[in-house]
Amino acid sequence: LGDAHLQTIIAMSNLSEILRSRGKNSEAAPLHEESLTLSRQFLGNEHPDTLSSIHNMGGLQFALGDYHSSEACYR
């Protein structure tokens, strides 16, 4: 479907969350960063899927011990 397709972005974000839930945070991080970048680019910062992705990024950063970045996502 291509990088700009909503289903592709959602699938990437979901895969990242699956990796995170299995304790594979370092594998999840680059995939989630890419999906969040695409979501912001193609859906905008206020789209519900982008906001959900930002929330998930906060959880991932917290799990990685990056508390400052995690807090920024949650704010």
N, C-alpha and C. Protein backbone atom coordinates (compact mmCIF):
# COMPACT_ATOMS: atom_id res chain seq x y z
N LEU A 1 0.81 -1.20 0.00
CA LEU A 1 0.00 0.00 0.00
C LEU A 1 0.85 1.26 0.00
N GLY A 2 2.12 1.15 0.38
CA GLY A 2 3.02 2.30 0.40
C GLY A 2 3.12 2.94 1.77
N ASP A 3 4.19 3.67 1.98
CA ASP A 3 4.46 4.30 3.28
C ASP A 3 3.40 5.30 3.70
N ALA A 4 2.77 5.96 2.74
CA ALA A 4 1.82 7.03 3.07
C ALA A 4 0.42 6.51 3.36
N HIS A 5 0.22 5.22 3.26
CA HIS A 5 -1.11 4.67 3.48
C HIS A 5 -1.38 4.50 4.97
N LEU A 6 -2.57 4.87 5.40
CA LEU A 6 -2.93 4.79 6.82
C LEU A 6 -2.75 3.38 7.37
N GLN A 7 -3.12 2.37 6.63
CA GLN A 7 -3.00 0.99 7.12
C GLN A 7 -1.54 0.59 7.32
N THR A 8 -0.64 1.09 6.48
CA THR A 8 0.79 0.82 6.65
C THR A 8 1.31 1.45 7.93
N ILE A 9 0.93 2.69 8.16
CA ILE A 9 1.38 3.40 9.36
C ILE A 9 0.85 2.71 10.61
N ILE A 10 -0.41 2.31 10.61
CA ILE A 10 -1.00 1.62 11.75
C ILE A 10 -0.32 0.27 11.97
N ALA A 11 -0.04 -0.46 10.90
CA ALA A 11 0.62 -1.77 11.03
C ALA A 11 2.01 -1.63 11.62
N MET A 12 2.75 -0.61 11.19
CA MET A 12 4.09 -0.38 11.74
C MET A 12 4.01 -0.06 13.23
N SER A 13 3.07 0.78 13.60
CA SER A 13 2.90 1.14 15.01
C SER A 13 2.49 -0.08 15.83
N ASN A 14 1.58 -0.89 15.30
CA ASN A 14 1.15 -2.09 16.01
C ASN A 14 2.29 -3.08 16.19
N LEU A 15 3.10 -3.26 15.15
CA LEU A 15 4.25 -4.16 15.26
C LEU A 15 5.21 -3.66 16.33
N SER A 16 5.42 -2.37 16.38
CA SER A 16 6.28 -1.79 17.40
C SER A 16 5.74 -2.10 18.80
N GLU A 17 4.43 -1.96 18.97
CA GLU A 17 3.82 -2.24 20.28
C GLU A 17 3.93 -3.72 20.65
N ILE A 18 3.83 -4.59 19.67
CA ILE A 18 3.99 -6.03 19.93
C ILE A 18 5.42 -6.31 20.39
N LEU A 19 6.39 -5.72 19.70
CA LEU A 19 7.78 -5.89 20.11
C LEU A 19 8.00 -5.37 21.52
N ARG A 20 7.44 -4.21 21.81
CA ARG A 20 7.59 -3.62 23.15
C ARG A 20 6.97 -4.52 24.21
N SER A 21 5.80 -5.07 23.92
CA SER A 21 5.13 -5.92 24.89
C SER A 21 5.89 -7.22 25.15
N ARG A 22 6.77 -7.58 24.22
CA ARG A 22 7.58 -8.78 24.38
C ARG A 22 8.96 -8.45 24.95
N GLY A 23 9.14 -7.20 25.37
CA GLY A 23 10.40 -6.79 25.98
C GLY A 23 11.51 -6.48 24.99
N LYS A 24 11.17 -6.33 23.73
CA LYS A 24 12.17 -6.04 22.69
C LYS A 24 12.14 -4.55 22.36
N ASN A 25 12.39 -3.75 23.39
CA ASN A 25 12.27 -2.30 23.26
C ASN A 25 13.25 -1.71 22.26
N SER A 26 14.47 -2.21 22.23
CA SER A 26 15.46 -1.66 21.30
C SER A 26 15.09 -1.97 19.85
N GLU A 27 14.39 -3.08 19.61
CA GLU A 27 13.92 -3.40 18.26
C GLU A 27 12.69 -2.56 17.91
N ALA A 28 11.89 -2.27 18.90
CA ALA A 28 10.66 -1.52 18.68
C ALA A 28 10.92 -0.05 18.38
N ALA A 29 11.96 0.52 18.99
CA ALA A 29 12.20 1.96 18.92
C ALA A 29 12.32 2.50 17.49
N PRO A 30 13.20 1.95 16.64
CA PRO A 30 13.32 2.53 15.30
C PRO A 30 12.04 2.39 14.47
N LEU A 31 11.36 1.29 14.63
CA LEU A 31 10.12 1.07 13.90
C LEU A 31 9.06 2.06 14.36
N HIS A 32 8.99 2.29 15.65
CA HIS A 32 8.00 3.23 16.16
C HIS A 32 8.34 4.67 15.76
N GLU A 33 9.61 5.01 15.79
CA GLU A 33 10.02 6.35 15.37
C GLU A 33 9.63 6.60 13.91
N GLU A 34 9.83 5.59 13.07
CA GLU A 34 9.47 5.73 11.66
C GLU A 34 7.96 5.88 11.49
N SER A 35 7.20 5.06 12.20
CA SER A 35 5.74 5.14 12.06
C SER A 35 5.22 6.47 12.58
N LEU A 36 5.81 6.99 13.66
CA LEU A 36 5.39 8.28 14.19
C LEU A 36 5.74 9.40 13.22
N THR A 37 6.90 9.35 12.63
CA THR A 37 7.30 10.35 11.63
C THR A 37 6.33 10.35 10.45
N LEU A 38 6.00 9.16 9.95
CA LEU A 38 5.06 9.05 8.84
C LEU A 38 3.67 9.53 9.23
N SER A 39 3.26 9.19 10.43
CA SER A 39 1.95 9.61 10.90
C SER A 39 1.87 11.14 10.97
N ARG A 40 2.90 11.75 11.51
CA ARG A 40 2.91 13.22 11.58
C ARG A 40 2.92 13.83 10.19
N GLN A 41 3.70 13.24 9.29
CA GLN A 41 3.84 13.77 7.94
C GLN A 41 2.55 13.66 7.14
N PHE A 42 1.91 12.52 7.20
CA PHE A 42 0.76 12.28 6.33
C PHE A 42 -0.60 12.50 6.99
N LEU A 43 -0.65 12.44 8.32
CA LEU A 43 -1.92 12.61 9.01
C LEU A 43 -2.01 13.91 9.79
N GLY A 44 -0.85 14.44 10.17
CA GLY A 44 -0.83 15.67 10.97
C GLY A 44 -0.74 15.38 12.46
N ASN A 45 -0.33 16.36 13.21
CA ASN A 45 -0.10 16.20 14.65
C ASN A 45 -1.37 16.02 15.47
N GLU A 46 -2.50 16.43 14.95
CA GLU A 46 -3.75 16.37 15.73
C GLU A 46 -4.63 15.17 15.38
N HIS A 47 -4.20 14.36 14.44
CA HIS A 47 -4.99 13.17 14.07
C HIS A 47 -4.98 12.17 15.23
N PRO A 48 -6.11 11.53 15.51
CA PRO A 48 -6.18 10.58 16.63
C PRO A 48 -5.12 9.46 16.57
N ASP A 49 -4.81 8.98 15.37
CA ASP A 49 -3.79 7.93 15.26
C ASP A 49 -2.40 8.47 15.59
N THR A 50 -2.13 9.71 15.22
CA THR A 50 -0.85 10.32 15.56
C THR A 50 -0.76 10.53 17.06
N LEU A 51 -1.83 11.00 17.67
CA LEU A 51 -1.82 11.22 19.12
C LEU A 51 -1.64 9.90 19.86
N SER A 52 -2.25 8.84 19.39
CA SER A 52 -2.07 7.52 19.98
C SER A 52 -0.63 7.06 19.85
N SER A 53 -0.05 7.33 18.71
CA SER A 53 1.34 6.95 18.47
C SER A 53 2.30 7.73 19.37
N ILE A 54 2.00 9.01 19.61
CA ILE A 54 2.82 9.82 20.52
C ILE A 54 2.73 9.24 21.94
N HIS A 55 1.53 8.87 22.33
CA HIS A 55 1.33 8.25 23.65
C HIS A 55 2.15 6.96 23.76
N ASN A 56 2.08 6.12 22.74
CA ASN A 56 2.83 4.87 22.75
C ASN A 56 4.33 5.12 22.77
N MET A 57 4.77 6.18 22.08
CA MET A 57 6.19 6.53 22.09
C MET A 57 6.63 6.90 23.50
N GLY A 58 5.77 7.60 24.22
CA GLY A 58 6.09 7.94 25.60
C GLY A 58 6.30 6.70 26.45
N GLY A 59 5.46 5.69 26.26
CA GLY A 59 5.62 4.44 26.99
C GLY A 59 6.89 3.71 26.61
N LEU A 60 7.21 3.72 25.35
CA LEU A 60 8.44 3.06 24.89
C LEU A 60 9.67 3.77 25.44
N GLN A 61 9.67 5.08 25.40
CA GLN A 61 10.81 5.83 25.93
C GLN A 61 10.95 5.61 27.43
N PHE A 62 9.85 5.52 28.13
CA PHE A 62 9.89 5.22 29.56
C PHE A 62 10.53 3.86 29.79
N ALA A 63 10.12 2.88 29.00
CA ALA A 63 10.66 1.52 29.13
C ALA A 63 12.16 1.48 28.82
N LEU A 64 12.61 2.39 27.96
CA LEU A 64 14.03 2.47 27.62
C LEU A 64 14.82 3.30 28.63
N GLY A 65 14.13 3.89 29.60
CA GLY A 65 14.80 4.69 30.62
C GLY A 65 15.02 6.14 30.22
N ASP A 66 14.43 6.57 29.12
CA ASP A 66 14.55 7.96 28.67
C ASP A 66 13.36 8.74 29.21
N TYR A 67 13.44 9.05 30.51
CA TYR A 67 12.29 9.64 31.21
C TYR A 67 11.98 11.06 30.75
N HIS A 68 13.00 11.81 30.39
CA HIS A 68 12.79 13.18 29.93
C HIS A 68 11.98 13.19 28.63
N SER A 69 12.37 12.36 27.67
CA SER A 69 11.64 12.29 26.40
C SER A 69 10.24 11.71 26.60
N SER A 70 10.15 10.75 27.51
CA SER A 70 8.84 10.16 27.81
C SER A 70 7.89 11.22 28.35
N GLU A 71 8.37 12.03 29.27
CA GLU A 71 7.54 13.08 29.85
C GLU A 71 7.09 14.07 28.77
N ALA A 72 8.00 14.40 27.86
CA ALA A 72 7.65 15.34 26.77
C ALA A 72 6.51 14.78 25.91
N CYS A 73 6.53 13.48 25.66
CA CYS A 73 5.44 12.87 24.87
C CYS A 73 4.12 12.96 25.61
N TYR A 74 4.15 12.68 26.89
CA TYR A 74 2.92 12.69 27.65
C TYR A 74 2.37 14.09 27.86
N ARG A 75 3.24 15.10 27.84
CA ARG A 75 2.75 16.47 27.99
C ARG A 75 2.19 16.96 26.68
